[in-house]
N, C-alpha and C. Protein backbone atom coordinates (compact mmCIF):
# COMPACT_ATOMS: atom_id res chain seq x y z
N GLY A 1 -85.03 82.51 80.45
CA GLY A 1 -85.38 82.58 79.05
C GLY A 1 -84.48 81.68 78.22
N LEU A 2 -84.70 81.71 76.92
CA LEU A 2 -83.95 80.83 76.03
C LEU A 2 -82.45 81.11 76.08
N LEU A 3 -82.06 82.38 76.09
CA LEU A 3 -80.64 82.69 76.07
C LEU A 3 -79.92 82.17 77.30
N ASP A 4 -80.58 82.22 78.46
CA ASP A 4 -79.99 81.66 79.68
C ASP A 4 -79.85 80.15 79.55
N ALA A 5 -80.88 79.51 79.01
CA ALA A 5 -80.85 78.06 78.84
C ALA A 5 -79.73 77.65 77.89
N VAL A 6 -79.55 78.42 76.82
CA VAL A 6 -78.48 78.13 75.86
C VAL A 6 -77.12 78.28 76.53
N SER A 7 -76.94 79.36 77.29
CA SER A 7 -75.66 79.61 77.96
C SER A 7 -75.30 78.50 78.93
N GLN A 8 -76.32 77.92 79.57
CA GLN A 8 -76.10 76.87 80.56
C GLN A 8 -76.05 75.48 79.93
N GLY A 9 -76.32 75.40 78.64
CA GLY A 9 -76.32 74.10 77.99
C GLY A 9 -77.52 73.25 78.35
N ASP A 10 -78.62 73.89 78.71
CA ASP A 10 -79.85 73.19 79.10
C ASP A 10 -80.59 72.76 77.83
N TYR A 11 -80.24 71.60 77.32
CA TYR A 11 -80.77 71.14 76.04
C TYR A 11 -82.29 70.97 76.08
N GLU A 12 -82.80 70.38 77.14
CA GLU A 12 -84.24 70.09 77.21
C GLU A 12 -85.07 71.37 77.13
N THR A 13 -84.66 72.39 77.88
CA THR A 13 -85.40 73.66 77.84
C THR A 13 -85.29 74.30 76.46
N CYS A 14 -84.10 74.28 75.89
CA CYS A 14 -83.91 74.85 74.55
C CYS A 14 -84.82 74.14 73.54
N GLU A 15 -84.87 72.83 73.64
CA GLU A 15 -85.71 72.07 72.70
C GLU A 15 -87.18 72.39 72.89
N GLU A 16 -87.62 72.51 74.14
CA GLU A 16 -89.02 72.85 74.41
C GLU A 16 -89.39 74.20 73.80
N VAL A 17 -88.51 75.18 73.96
CA VAL A 17 -88.78 76.51 73.42
C VAL A 17 -88.81 76.47 71.90
N MET A 18 -87.87 75.77 71.28
CA MET A 18 -87.84 75.68 69.83
C MET A 18 -89.09 75.02 69.28
N VAL A 19 -89.50 73.94 69.90
CA VAL A 19 -90.71 73.23 69.46
C VAL A 19 -91.93 74.15 69.59
N HIS A 20 -92.03 74.85 70.71
CA HIS A 20 -93.17 75.75 70.95
C HIS A 20 -93.21 76.87 69.90
N ILE A 21 -92.08 77.51 69.66
CA ILE A 21 -92.03 78.60 68.70
C ILE A 21 -92.36 78.09 67.29
N ASP A 22 -91.80 76.95 66.96
CA ASP A 22 -92.01 76.39 65.62
C ASP A 22 -93.47 76.03 65.39
N GLU A 23 -94.10 75.38 66.38
CA GLU A 23 -95.48 74.93 66.22
C GLU A 23 -96.48 76.07 66.29
N ARG A 24 -96.17 77.10 67.07
CA ARG A 24 -97.13 78.18 67.24
C ARG A 24 -97.02 79.27 66.18
N TYR A 25 -95.78 79.63 65.82
CA TYR A 25 -95.60 80.76 64.91
C TYR A 25 -95.08 80.37 63.52
N HIS A 26 -94.55 79.18 63.37
CA HIS A 26 -94.04 78.68 62.10
C HIS A 26 -93.07 79.65 61.41
N PRO A 27 -92.12 80.22 62.14
CA PRO A 27 -91.17 81.13 61.49
C PRO A 27 -90.19 80.34 60.62
N ARG A 28 -89.57 81.02 59.67
CA ARG A 28 -88.61 80.34 58.81
C ARG A 28 -87.36 79.94 59.59
N ARG A 29 -86.97 80.77 60.56
CA ARG A 29 -85.79 80.49 61.37
C ARG A 29 -86.14 80.65 62.86
N PRO A 30 -86.75 79.63 63.46
CA PRO A 30 -87.13 79.74 64.89
C PRO A 30 -85.97 80.11 65.80
N ALA A 31 -84.80 79.58 65.51
CA ALA A 31 -83.64 79.81 66.39
C ALA A 31 -83.13 81.23 66.34
N ASP A 32 -83.54 82.01 65.33
CA ASP A 32 -83.04 83.37 65.21
C ASP A 32 -84.03 84.42 65.71
N ARG A 33 -85.09 83.98 66.36
CA ARG A 33 -86.11 84.94 66.85
C ARG A 33 -85.70 85.61 68.15
N PHE A 34 -84.68 85.10 68.81
CA PHE A 34 -84.24 85.65 70.09
C PHE A 34 -82.87 86.29 69.94
N VAL A 35 -82.78 87.57 70.30
CA VAL A 35 -81.51 88.29 70.24
C VAL A 35 -81.32 89.08 71.52
N ASP A 36 -80.13 88.99 72.10
CA ASP A 36 -79.85 89.76 73.31
C ASP A 36 -79.86 91.26 72.98
N PRO A 37 -80.74 92.04 73.63
CA PRO A 37 -80.86 93.46 73.30
C PRO A 37 -79.62 94.28 73.68
N GLN A 38 -78.79 93.76 74.58
CA GLN A 38 -77.61 94.50 75.01
C GLN A 38 -76.41 94.29 74.09
N THR A 39 -76.28 93.09 73.55
CA THR A 39 -75.09 92.75 72.79
C THR A 39 -75.36 92.39 71.33
N GLY A 40 -76.60 92.07 71.00
CA GLY A 40 -76.90 91.61 69.66
C GLY A 40 -76.61 90.14 69.46
N ASP A 41 -76.25 89.41 70.52
CA ASP A 41 -75.94 87.99 70.43
C ASP A 41 -77.19 87.17 70.11
N THR A 42 -77.06 86.22 69.19
CA THR A 42 -78.11 85.26 68.91
C THR A 42 -77.91 84.03 69.79
N PRO A 43 -78.91 83.15 69.89
CA PRO A 43 -78.70 81.91 70.65
C PRO A 43 -77.51 81.10 70.15
N LEU A 44 -77.30 81.09 68.83
CA LEU A 44 -76.17 80.33 68.29
C LEU A 44 -74.85 80.89 68.81
N VAL A 45 -74.75 82.20 68.92
CA VAL A 45 -73.54 82.83 69.46
C VAL A 45 -73.31 82.38 70.89
N PHE A 46 -74.35 82.39 71.72
CA PHE A 46 -74.24 81.95 73.11
C PHE A 46 -73.77 80.49 73.17
N ALA A 47 -74.36 79.64 72.33
CA ALA A 47 -74.01 78.22 72.35
C ALA A 47 -72.56 77.99 71.95
N ILE A 48 -72.10 78.73 70.94
CA ILE A 48 -70.71 78.59 70.49
C ILE A 48 -69.75 79.10 71.56
N GLN A 49 -70.04 80.26 72.13
CA GLN A 49 -69.17 80.84 73.14
C GLN A 49 -68.97 79.90 74.32
N ASN A 50 -70.02 79.16 74.66
CA ASN A 50 -69.95 78.28 75.82
C ASN A 50 -69.62 76.83 75.47
N GLY A 51 -69.41 76.56 74.18
CA GLY A 51 -68.98 75.22 73.77
C GLY A 51 -70.02 74.14 73.91
N HIS A 52 -71.30 74.47 73.77
CA HIS A 52 -72.37 73.48 73.92
C HIS A 52 -72.73 72.91 72.55
N ARG A 53 -72.04 71.84 72.16
CA ARG A 53 -72.19 71.34 70.79
C ARG A 53 -73.58 70.77 70.51
N GLU A 54 -74.21 70.12 71.52
CA GLU A 54 -75.53 69.58 71.29
C GLU A 54 -76.55 70.69 71.06
N VAL A 55 -76.40 71.79 71.78
CA VAL A 55 -77.30 72.93 71.61
C VAL A 55 -77.05 73.59 70.26
N VAL A 56 -75.79 73.67 69.85
CA VAL A 56 -75.46 74.20 68.53
C VAL A 56 -76.18 73.37 67.46
N ASP A 57 -76.12 72.06 67.61
CA ASP A 57 -76.78 71.15 66.67
C ASP A 57 -78.29 71.43 66.62
N LEU A 58 -78.89 71.58 67.80
CA LEU A 58 -80.32 71.83 67.90
C LEU A 58 -80.70 73.13 67.19
N LEU A 59 -79.95 74.18 67.46
CA LEU A 59 -80.25 75.49 66.88
C LEU A 59 -80.10 75.47 65.36
N ILE A 60 -79.10 74.75 64.88
CA ILE A 60 -78.93 74.61 63.43
C ILE A 60 -80.14 73.88 62.84
N ASP A 61 -80.60 72.84 63.52
CA ASP A 61 -81.78 72.11 63.06
C ASP A 61 -83.00 73.02 62.98
N TYR A 62 -83.05 74.03 63.84
CA TYR A 62 -84.18 74.95 63.86
C TYR A 62 -83.86 76.27 63.14
N GLY A 63 -82.98 76.17 62.18
CA GLY A 63 -82.80 77.27 61.24
C GLY A 63 -81.83 78.37 61.61
N ALA A 64 -80.99 78.18 62.61
CA ALA A 64 -80.02 79.22 62.94
C ALA A 64 -79.17 79.54 61.72
N ASN A 65 -79.00 80.82 61.44
CA ASN A 65 -78.23 81.25 60.28
C ASN A 65 -76.75 81.14 60.59
N VAL A 66 -76.08 80.17 59.96
CA VAL A 66 -74.67 79.93 60.25
C VAL A 66 -73.76 80.93 59.54
N ASN A 67 -74.34 81.81 58.73
CA ASN A 67 -73.56 82.85 58.06
C ASN A 67 -74.03 84.25 58.44
N HIS A 68 -74.71 84.33 59.57
CA HIS A 68 -75.19 85.62 60.04
C HIS A 68 -74.01 86.52 60.38
N LYS A 69 -73.99 87.73 59.79
CA LYS A 69 -72.92 88.68 60.09
C LYS A 69 -73.25 89.37 61.41
N TRP A 70 -72.45 89.04 62.40
CA TRP A 70 -72.71 89.47 63.77
C TRP A 70 -71.83 90.65 64.12
N SER A 71 -72.44 91.81 64.29
CA SER A 71 -71.70 92.99 64.72
C SER A 71 -72.16 93.37 66.12
N PRO A 72 -71.48 92.88 67.15
CA PRO A 72 -71.90 93.14 68.53
C PRO A 72 -72.11 94.62 68.79
N LEU A 73 -73.07 94.90 69.62
CA LEU A 73 -73.43 96.29 69.89
C LEU A 73 -72.51 96.93 70.92
N VAL A 74 -71.22 96.80 70.68
CA VAL A 74 -70.22 97.47 71.51
C VAL A 74 -69.22 98.13 70.57
N ASP A 75 -68.75 99.30 70.91
CA ASP A 75 -67.99 100.15 70.00
C ASP A 75 -66.79 99.45 69.35
N GLU A 76 -66.00 98.73 70.15
CA GLU A 76 -64.76 98.20 69.61
C GLU A 76 -64.99 97.10 68.58
N PHE A 77 -66.21 96.51 68.55
CA PHE A 77 -66.49 95.45 67.59
C PHE A 77 -67.52 95.88 66.54
N SER A 78 -67.86 97.17 66.55
CA SER A 78 -68.87 97.65 65.62
C SER A 78 -68.46 97.37 64.18
N LEU A 79 -69.40 96.85 63.42
CA LEU A 79 -69.19 96.54 62.00
C LEU A 79 -68.07 95.53 61.78
N SER A 80 -67.84 94.67 62.75
CA SER A 80 -66.77 93.68 62.62
C SER A 80 -67.15 92.55 61.67
N ASN A 81 -68.47 92.33 61.50
CA ASN A 81 -68.94 91.27 60.60
C ASN A 81 -68.40 89.89 60.96
N ILE A 82 -68.23 89.65 62.24
CA ILE A 82 -67.82 88.32 62.69
C ILE A 82 -69.00 87.36 62.50
N GLN A 83 -68.71 86.19 61.98
CA GLN A 83 -69.73 85.17 61.75
C GLN A 83 -69.51 84.01 62.72
N PRO A 84 -70.49 83.12 62.85
CA PRO A 84 -70.36 82.02 63.82
C PRO A 84 -69.08 81.21 63.70
N LEU A 85 -68.62 80.96 62.47
CA LEU A 85 -67.40 80.16 62.32
C LEU A 85 -66.18 80.89 62.85
N HIS A 86 -66.12 82.22 62.67
CA HIS A 86 -65.02 82.99 63.28
C HIS A 86 -65.03 82.80 64.79
N LEU A 87 -66.22 82.92 65.36
CA LEU A 87 -66.36 82.83 66.81
C LEU A 87 -65.96 81.45 67.32
N ALA A 88 -66.32 80.42 66.57
CA ALA A 88 -65.98 79.06 66.99
C ALA A 88 -64.47 78.85 67.05
N ILE A 89 -63.73 79.57 66.20
CA ILE A 89 -62.27 79.45 66.19
C ILE A 89 -61.65 80.15 67.39
N ILE A 90 -62.15 81.34 67.73
CA ILE A 90 -61.48 82.17 68.74
C ILE A 90 -62.05 82.02 70.14
N ALA A 91 -63.10 81.21 70.29
CA ALA A 91 -63.78 81.14 71.59
C ALA A 91 -63.16 80.14 72.55
N LEU A 92 -61.95 79.67 72.28
CA LEU A 92 -61.30 78.71 73.17
C LEU A 92 -60.65 79.45 74.32
N ASN A 93 -61.26 79.37 75.49
CA ASN A 93 -60.69 80.00 76.68
C ASN A 93 -60.64 78.98 77.80
N LYS A 94 -59.44 78.73 78.32
CA LYS A 94 -59.29 77.73 79.38
C LYS A 94 -59.75 78.30 80.71
N SER A 95 -60.64 77.59 81.38
CA SER A 95 -61.17 78.05 82.66
C SER A 95 -60.19 77.78 83.78
N GLN A 96 -60.24 78.62 84.80
CA GLN A 96 -59.39 78.41 85.98
C GLN A 96 -59.74 77.08 86.64
N GLY A 97 -58.73 76.31 86.97
CA GLY A 97 -58.97 75.06 87.67
C GLY A 97 -59.44 73.93 86.79
N GLU A 98 -59.41 74.11 85.48
CA GLU A 98 -59.89 73.08 84.57
C GLU A 98 -58.90 71.92 84.53
N THR A 99 -59.41 70.67 84.61
CA THR A 99 -58.55 69.51 84.57
C THR A 99 -58.13 69.23 83.13
N GLU A 100 -57.10 68.40 82.99
CA GLU A 100 -56.62 68.05 81.65
C GLU A 100 -57.70 67.34 80.86
N ARG A 101 -58.46 66.47 81.52
CA ARG A 101 -59.54 65.75 80.84
C ARG A 101 -60.61 66.72 80.36
N GLU A 102 -60.97 67.68 81.21
CA GLU A 102 -61.97 68.67 80.84
C GLU A 102 -61.48 69.52 79.68
N ASP A 103 -60.19 69.83 79.68
CA ASP A 103 -59.61 70.63 78.61
C ASP A 103 -59.68 69.87 77.28
N VAL A 104 -59.34 68.58 77.30
CA VAL A 104 -59.40 67.75 76.10
C VAL A 104 -60.83 67.66 75.59
N ASP A 105 -61.77 67.44 76.50
CA ASP A 105 -63.18 67.35 76.12
C ASP A 105 -63.66 68.63 75.49
N LYS A 106 -63.27 69.77 76.06
CA LYS A 106 -63.72 71.06 75.54
C LYS A 106 -63.17 71.30 74.14
N LYS A 107 -61.92 70.92 73.93
CA LYS A 107 -61.34 71.09 72.60
C LYS A 107 -62.05 70.21 71.58
N GLN A 108 -62.41 69.00 71.99
CA GLN A 108 -63.15 68.12 71.08
C GLN A 108 -64.50 68.72 70.76
N HIS A 109 -65.14 69.31 71.76
CA HIS A 109 -66.42 69.98 71.53
C HIS A 109 -66.25 71.12 70.54
N ARG A 110 -65.18 71.90 70.71
CA ARG A 110 -64.92 73.02 69.80
C ARG A 110 -64.72 72.52 68.37
N GLN A 111 -63.95 71.47 68.23
CA GLN A 111 -63.70 70.91 66.91
C GLN A 111 -65.00 70.41 66.28
N ASP A 112 -65.83 69.76 67.09
CA ASP A 112 -67.12 69.27 66.60
C ASP A 112 -68.00 70.43 66.15
N ILE A 113 -67.97 71.54 66.91
CA ILE A 113 -68.78 72.71 66.56
C ILE A 113 -68.32 73.29 65.23
N VAL A 114 -67.01 73.39 65.03
CA VAL A 114 -66.48 73.90 63.77
C VAL A 114 -66.98 73.03 62.61
N LEU A 115 -66.91 71.73 62.77
CA LEU A 115 -67.36 70.81 61.72
C LEU A 115 -68.87 70.91 61.50
N LYS A 116 -69.63 71.06 62.59
CA LYS A 116 -71.09 71.20 62.45
C LYS A 116 -71.44 72.45 61.65
N LEU A 117 -70.77 73.54 61.94
CA LEU A 117 -71.03 74.79 61.23
C LEU A 117 -70.68 74.66 59.75
N ILE A 118 -69.52 74.06 59.47
CA ILE A 118 -69.10 73.88 58.08
C ILE A 118 -70.09 73.00 57.33
N ASN A 119 -70.48 71.90 57.95
CA ASN A 119 -71.41 70.97 57.30
C ASN A 119 -72.79 71.57 57.11
N ALA A 120 -73.11 72.59 57.92
CA ALA A 120 -74.41 73.27 57.78
C ALA A 120 -74.34 74.42 56.78
N GLY A 121 -73.17 74.61 56.17
CA GLY A 121 -73.06 75.62 55.13
C GLY A 121 -72.31 76.89 55.50
N ALA A 122 -71.64 76.91 56.66
CA ALA A 122 -70.88 78.10 57.04
C ALA A 122 -69.78 78.37 56.01
N ASP A 123 -69.59 79.62 55.69
CA ASP A 123 -68.61 80.03 54.69
C ASP A 123 -67.21 79.98 55.29
N VAL A 124 -66.39 79.05 54.84
CA VAL A 124 -65.05 78.89 55.40
C VAL A 124 -64.12 80.04 54.99
N ASN A 125 -64.55 80.84 54.02
CA ASN A 125 -63.73 81.95 53.56
C ASN A 125 -64.33 83.31 53.90
N ALA A 126 -65.29 83.33 54.83
CA ALA A 126 -65.92 84.60 55.22
C ALA A 126 -64.88 85.55 55.79
N LEU A 127 -64.90 86.78 55.31
CA LEU A 127 -63.91 87.77 55.74
C LEU A 127 -64.55 88.76 56.72
N SER A 128 -64.02 88.80 57.93
CA SER A 128 -64.47 89.76 58.94
C SER A 128 -63.38 90.80 59.12
N ALA A 129 -63.63 91.75 59.99
CA ALA A 129 -62.60 92.76 60.28
C ALA A 129 -61.38 92.14 60.93
N LYS A 130 -61.53 90.93 61.47
CA LYS A 130 -60.41 90.24 62.11
C LYS A 130 -59.78 89.19 61.19
N GLY A 131 -60.32 89.02 59.98
CA GLY A 131 -59.77 88.05 59.05
C GLY A 131 -60.72 86.92 58.75
N THR A 132 -60.23 85.92 58.05
CA THR A 132 -61.00 84.72 57.74
C THR A 132 -60.88 83.73 58.91
N PRO A 133 -61.73 82.69 58.94
CA PRO A 133 -61.54 81.67 59.97
C PRO A 133 -60.14 81.06 59.95
N LEU A 134 -59.58 80.87 58.75
CA LEU A 134 -58.23 80.31 58.66
C LEU A 134 -57.20 81.26 59.26
N MET A 135 -57.34 82.55 58.97
CA MET A 135 -56.41 83.54 59.53
C MET A 135 -56.46 83.53 61.05
N LEU A 136 -57.68 83.37 61.60
CA LEU A 136 -57.83 83.34 63.06
C LEU A 136 -57.24 82.06 63.65
N ALA A 137 -57.40 80.95 62.93
CA ALA A 137 -56.83 79.68 63.40
C ALA A 137 -55.31 79.72 63.39
N LEU A 138 -54.74 80.58 62.55
CA LEU A 138 -53.29 80.69 62.45
C LEU A 138 -52.75 81.90 63.21
N ASN A 139 -53.59 82.45 64.07
CA ASN A 139 -53.18 83.59 64.89
C ASN A 139 -52.83 83.09 66.28
N GLY A 140 -51.55 82.93 66.54
CA GLY A 140 -51.11 82.39 67.82
C GLY A 140 -51.43 83.28 69.00
N ASN A 141 -51.84 84.52 68.73
CA ASN A 141 -52.16 85.43 69.82
C ASN A 141 -53.56 85.18 70.39
N CYS A 142 -54.34 84.34 69.70
CA CYS A 142 -55.72 84.10 70.13
C CYS A 142 -55.81 83.25 71.39
N VAL A 143 -54.87 82.32 71.53
CA VAL A 143 -54.92 81.37 72.65
C VAL A 143 -53.52 81.18 73.21
N PRO A 144 -53.41 80.62 74.42
CA PRO A 144 -52.08 80.34 74.99
C PRO A 144 -51.28 79.40 74.10
N ARG A 145 -49.97 79.47 74.17
CA ARG A 145 -49.12 78.69 73.28
C ARG A 145 -49.33 77.19 73.45
N GLU A 146 -49.69 76.75 74.65
CA GLU A 146 -49.90 75.32 74.85
C GLU A 146 -51.11 74.80 74.08
N ASP A 147 -51.94 75.70 73.57
CA ASP A 147 -53.11 75.29 72.79
C ASP A 147 -52.88 75.42 71.29
N TRP A 148 -51.68 75.74 70.88
CA TRP A 148 -51.43 75.95 69.45
C TRP A 148 -51.63 74.67 68.64
N ASP A 149 -51.29 73.52 69.21
CA ASP A 149 -51.51 72.28 68.48
C ASP A 149 -52.97 72.11 68.11
N PHE A 150 -53.85 72.60 68.98
CA PHE A 150 -55.28 72.53 68.69
C PHE A 150 -55.63 73.46 67.54
N LEU A 151 -55.00 74.63 67.49
CA LEU A 151 -55.23 75.55 66.37
C LEU A 151 -54.74 74.94 65.05
N TYR A 152 -53.62 74.20 65.10
CA TYR A 152 -53.16 73.51 63.90
C TYR A 152 -54.27 72.59 63.38
N GLU A 153 -54.89 71.86 64.29
CA GLU A 153 -55.94 70.92 63.90
C GLU A 153 -57.11 71.65 63.26
N LEU A 154 -57.51 72.79 63.84
CA LEU A 154 -58.61 73.56 63.27
C LEU A 154 -58.24 74.09 61.89
N ALA A 155 -56.99 74.55 61.74
CA ALA A 155 -56.55 75.06 60.44
C ALA A 155 -56.59 73.96 59.39
N GLN A 156 -56.19 72.76 59.77
CA GLN A 156 -56.21 71.66 58.81
C GLN A 156 -57.63 71.30 58.43
N ILE A 157 -58.55 71.35 59.39
CA ILE A 157 -59.96 71.09 59.07
C ILE A 157 -60.47 72.12 58.06
N LEU A 158 -60.16 73.39 58.29
CA LEU A 158 -60.61 74.44 57.39
C LEU A 158 -60.02 74.25 55.99
N LEU A 159 -58.74 73.93 55.90
CA LEU A 159 -58.12 73.70 54.60
C LEU A 159 -58.72 72.50 53.90
N ASP A 160 -59.01 71.45 54.65
CA ASP A 160 -59.61 70.25 54.07
C ASP A 160 -61.03 70.51 53.56
N HIS A 161 -61.66 71.59 54.05
CA HIS A 161 -63.02 71.92 53.64
C HIS A 161 -63.07 73.16 52.75
N GLY A 162 -61.96 73.45 52.10
CA GLY A 162 -61.98 74.47 51.07
C GLY A 162 -61.54 75.86 51.45
N ALA A 163 -60.94 76.04 52.62
CA ALA A 163 -60.46 77.37 52.98
C ALA A 163 -59.37 77.82 52.01
N ASP A 164 -59.45 79.08 51.58
CA ASP A 164 -58.49 79.64 50.64
C ASP A 164 -57.23 80.09 51.41
N PRO A 165 -56.09 79.44 51.16
CA PRO A 165 -54.87 79.78 51.91
C PRO A 165 -54.27 81.13 51.52
N ASN A 166 -54.85 81.79 50.52
CA ASN A 166 -54.34 83.09 50.09
C ASN A 166 -55.31 84.24 50.33
N ARG A 167 -56.47 83.95 50.93
CA ARG A 167 -57.48 85.01 51.11
C ARG A 167 -57.13 85.90 52.30
N MET A 168 -57.19 87.19 52.09
CA MET A 168 -56.95 88.17 53.14
C MET A 168 -57.66 89.46 52.77
N GLY A 169 -57.79 90.36 53.74
CA GLY A 169 -58.48 91.62 53.50
C GLY A 169 -57.51 92.74 53.16
N LYS A 170 -58.03 93.97 53.25
CA LYS A 170 -57.21 95.13 52.92
C LYS A 170 -57.09 96.11 54.08
N GLN A 171 -57.67 95.72 55.23
CA GLN A 171 -57.60 96.58 56.41
C GLN A 171 -56.41 96.18 57.28
N PRO A 172 -55.92 97.09 58.12
CA PRO A 172 -54.77 96.75 58.98
C PRO A 172 -55.00 95.53 59.86
N THR A 173 -56.27 95.26 60.21
CA THR A 173 -56.56 94.14 61.11
C THR A 173 -56.77 92.82 60.39
N ASN A 174 -56.82 92.83 59.05
CA ASN A 174 -57.09 91.56 58.37
C ASN A 174 -56.29 91.40 57.07
N CYS A 175 -55.18 92.11 56.93
CA CYS A 175 -54.44 92.08 55.67
C CYS A 175 -53.20 91.20 55.71
N SER A 176 -52.97 90.51 56.81
CA SER A 176 -51.79 89.63 56.89
C SER A 176 -52.07 88.32 56.16
N HIS A 177 -51.16 87.90 55.31
CA HIS A 177 -51.33 86.65 54.57
C HIS A 177 -51.37 85.48 55.56
N PRO A 178 -52.32 84.53 55.36
CA PRO A 178 -52.41 83.38 56.28
C PRO A 178 -51.10 82.63 56.46
N LEU A 179 -50.28 82.60 55.41
CA LEU A 179 -49.01 81.88 55.51
C LEU A 179 -48.06 82.55 56.51
N ASN A 180 -48.22 83.86 56.70
CA ASN A 180 -47.43 84.54 57.74
C ASN A 180 -47.73 83.94 59.11
N GLY A 181 -49.03 83.74 59.37
CA GLY A 181 -49.43 83.16 60.64
C GLY A 181 -48.90 81.75 60.81
N ALA A 182 -48.95 80.96 59.74
CA ALA A 182 -48.45 79.59 59.80
C ALA A 182 -46.95 79.58 60.10
N CYS A 183 -46.22 80.51 59.46
CA CYS A 183 -44.77 80.57 59.69
C CYS A 183 -44.44 81.03 61.10
N PHE A 184 -45.22 82.00 61.60
CA PHE A 184 -45.01 82.48 62.97
C PHE A 184 -45.20 81.35 63.97
N MET A 185 -46.30 80.58 63.79
CA MET A 185 -46.58 79.49 64.72
C MET A 185 -45.57 78.36 64.57
N ALA A 186 -45.06 78.17 63.33
CA ALA A 186 -44.04 77.14 63.13
C ALA A 186 -42.75 77.52 63.84
N TYR A 187 -42.40 78.80 63.78
CA TYR A 187 -41.14 79.26 64.37
C TYR A 187 -41.18 79.18 65.89
N PHE A 188 -42.32 79.56 66.47
CA PHE A 188 -42.42 79.61 67.93
C PHE A 188 -43.13 78.40 68.53
N GLY A 189 -43.65 77.50 67.68
CA GLY A 189 -44.44 76.37 68.18
C GLY A 189 -43.58 75.21 68.65
N THR A 190 -44.23 74.08 68.90
CA THR A 190 -43.54 72.89 69.38
C THR A 190 -42.76 72.24 68.25
N GLU A 191 -41.68 71.56 68.59
CA GLU A 191 -40.83 70.91 67.59
C GLU A 191 -41.62 69.88 66.79
N GLU A 192 -42.55 69.20 67.44
CA GLU A 192 -43.28 68.11 66.81
C GLU A 192 -44.12 68.59 65.62
N ASN A 193 -44.78 69.73 65.78
CA ASN A 193 -45.72 70.18 64.76
C ASN A 193 -45.32 71.46 64.05
N ARG A 194 -44.12 71.94 64.29
CA ARG A 194 -43.80 73.32 63.88
C ARG A 194 -43.86 73.53 62.38
N LEU A 195 -43.52 72.52 61.55
CA LEU A 195 -43.53 72.72 60.11
C LEU A 195 -44.74 72.09 59.42
N GLU A 196 -45.46 71.27 60.14
CA GLU A 196 -46.57 70.53 59.53
C GLU A 196 -47.60 71.46 58.90
N ILE A 197 -47.97 72.53 59.60
CA ILE A 197 -49.01 73.42 59.09
C ILE A 197 -48.50 74.22 57.90
N VAL A 198 -47.21 74.55 57.88
CA VAL A 198 -46.64 75.27 56.74
C VAL A 198 -46.68 74.39 55.49
N TYR A 199 -46.28 73.12 55.64
CA TYR A 199 -46.35 72.19 54.51
C TYR A 199 -47.78 72.04 54.02
N LYS A 200 -48.72 71.95 54.96
CA LYS A 200 -50.12 71.81 54.60
C LYS A 200 -50.60 73.02 53.81
N MET A 201 -50.24 74.21 54.25
CA MET A 201 -50.63 75.42 53.55
C MET A 201 -50.07 75.43 52.12
N LEU A 202 -48.81 75.08 51.97
CA LEU A 202 -48.19 75.08 50.65
C LEU A 202 -48.83 74.03 49.75
N GLU A 203 -49.15 72.86 50.31
CA GLU A 203 -49.81 71.81 49.53
C GLU A 203 -51.18 72.27 49.04
N CYS A 204 -51.83 73.14 49.82
CA CYS A 204 -53.17 73.62 49.47
C CYS A 204 -53.12 74.86 48.58
N GLY A 205 -51.93 75.27 48.18
CA GLY A 205 -51.82 76.36 47.22
C GLY A 205 -51.42 77.70 47.78
N ALA A 206 -50.98 77.78 49.03
CA ALA A 206 -50.54 79.06 49.58
C ALA A 206 -49.37 79.59 48.75
N ASP A 207 -49.44 80.86 48.41
CA ASP A 207 -48.44 81.48 47.55
C ASP A 207 -47.44 82.28 48.39
N PRO A 208 -46.22 81.80 48.55
CA PRO A 208 -45.23 82.52 49.36
C PRO A 208 -44.76 83.81 48.70
N GLY A 209 -45.14 84.04 47.45
CA GLY A 209 -44.73 85.26 46.78
C GLY A 209 -45.74 86.38 46.85
N MET A 210 -46.88 86.13 47.52
CA MET A 210 -47.90 87.16 47.59
C MET A 210 -47.52 88.28 48.55
N TYR A 211 -47.98 89.47 48.25
CA TYR A 211 -47.77 90.63 49.11
C TYR A 211 -49.07 90.96 49.83
N ALA A 212 -48.97 91.37 51.08
CA ALA A 212 -50.14 91.81 51.82
C ALA A 212 -50.61 93.14 51.26
N PRO A 213 -51.94 93.30 51.00
CA PRO A 213 -52.45 94.56 50.46
C PRO A 213 -52.12 95.77 51.30
N GLY A 214 -51.97 95.55 52.62
CA GLY A 214 -51.67 96.66 53.51
C GLY A 214 -50.21 97.05 53.54
N GLY A 215 -49.42 96.41 52.71
CA GLY A 215 -48.00 96.78 52.66
C GLY A 215 -47.15 95.99 53.62
N GLY A 216 -47.63 94.80 54.04
CA GLY A 216 -46.90 94.02 55.03
C GLY A 216 -45.68 93.31 54.47
N GLY A 217 -45.53 93.33 53.14
CA GLY A 217 -44.32 92.73 52.57
C GLY A 217 -44.56 91.31 52.11
N GLN A 218 -43.56 90.72 51.53
CA GLN A 218 -43.64 89.40 50.96
C GLN A 218 -43.59 88.33 52.05
N VAL A 219 -44.35 87.26 51.81
CA VAL A 219 -44.35 86.15 52.75
C VAL A 219 -43.03 85.40 52.64
N SER A 220 -42.41 85.09 53.75
CA SER A 220 -41.12 84.40 53.73
C SER A 220 -41.16 83.18 54.63
N PRO A 221 -41.69 82.06 54.14
CA PRO A 221 -41.75 80.84 54.98
C PRO A 221 -40.37 80.27 55.22
């Protein structure tokens, strides 16, 4: 089916299905007609999880909702309101036995997907139970430390496209100020890039005097 084709990156099959659905039923969003009954995943979710940027592009062309609030049908993520852009940030997982070239290519694909979603209208300040896309990009716990430089790049892309460096939620899982994450990654990151993201955040208006709504205290860069 379509979801299997999307997971495998089978562009030709995905395109055939989209064309068929569009020509026969003329739905407003052909790409959103298929949902996994077990997880609630849409085709766009599958494409993002597997890093298939060409398929992501195709699905967007066929109306995939880039701001769909996705609450997976599993208890621990219930009502999480994760959107495609959140997923694109946190879906970087290095496969066993992956070569350095493959790793570089996959990161480039991830970066391209983030840009495709933003250019298609994804909300760079969407707040989920896990935070905003920027908060996730500045969460060093999401990926191994050797991939932090890649997170810096994603954070800079988000800031360059209007991400609010002061936006945070009020729940325990999303109330940490984004600048806290930048400072954490600067302290534990590589010497080459450790302060670059902090400077970028401050240049974009991050307020070091803000307090976390959850009582996390003042930001101290």
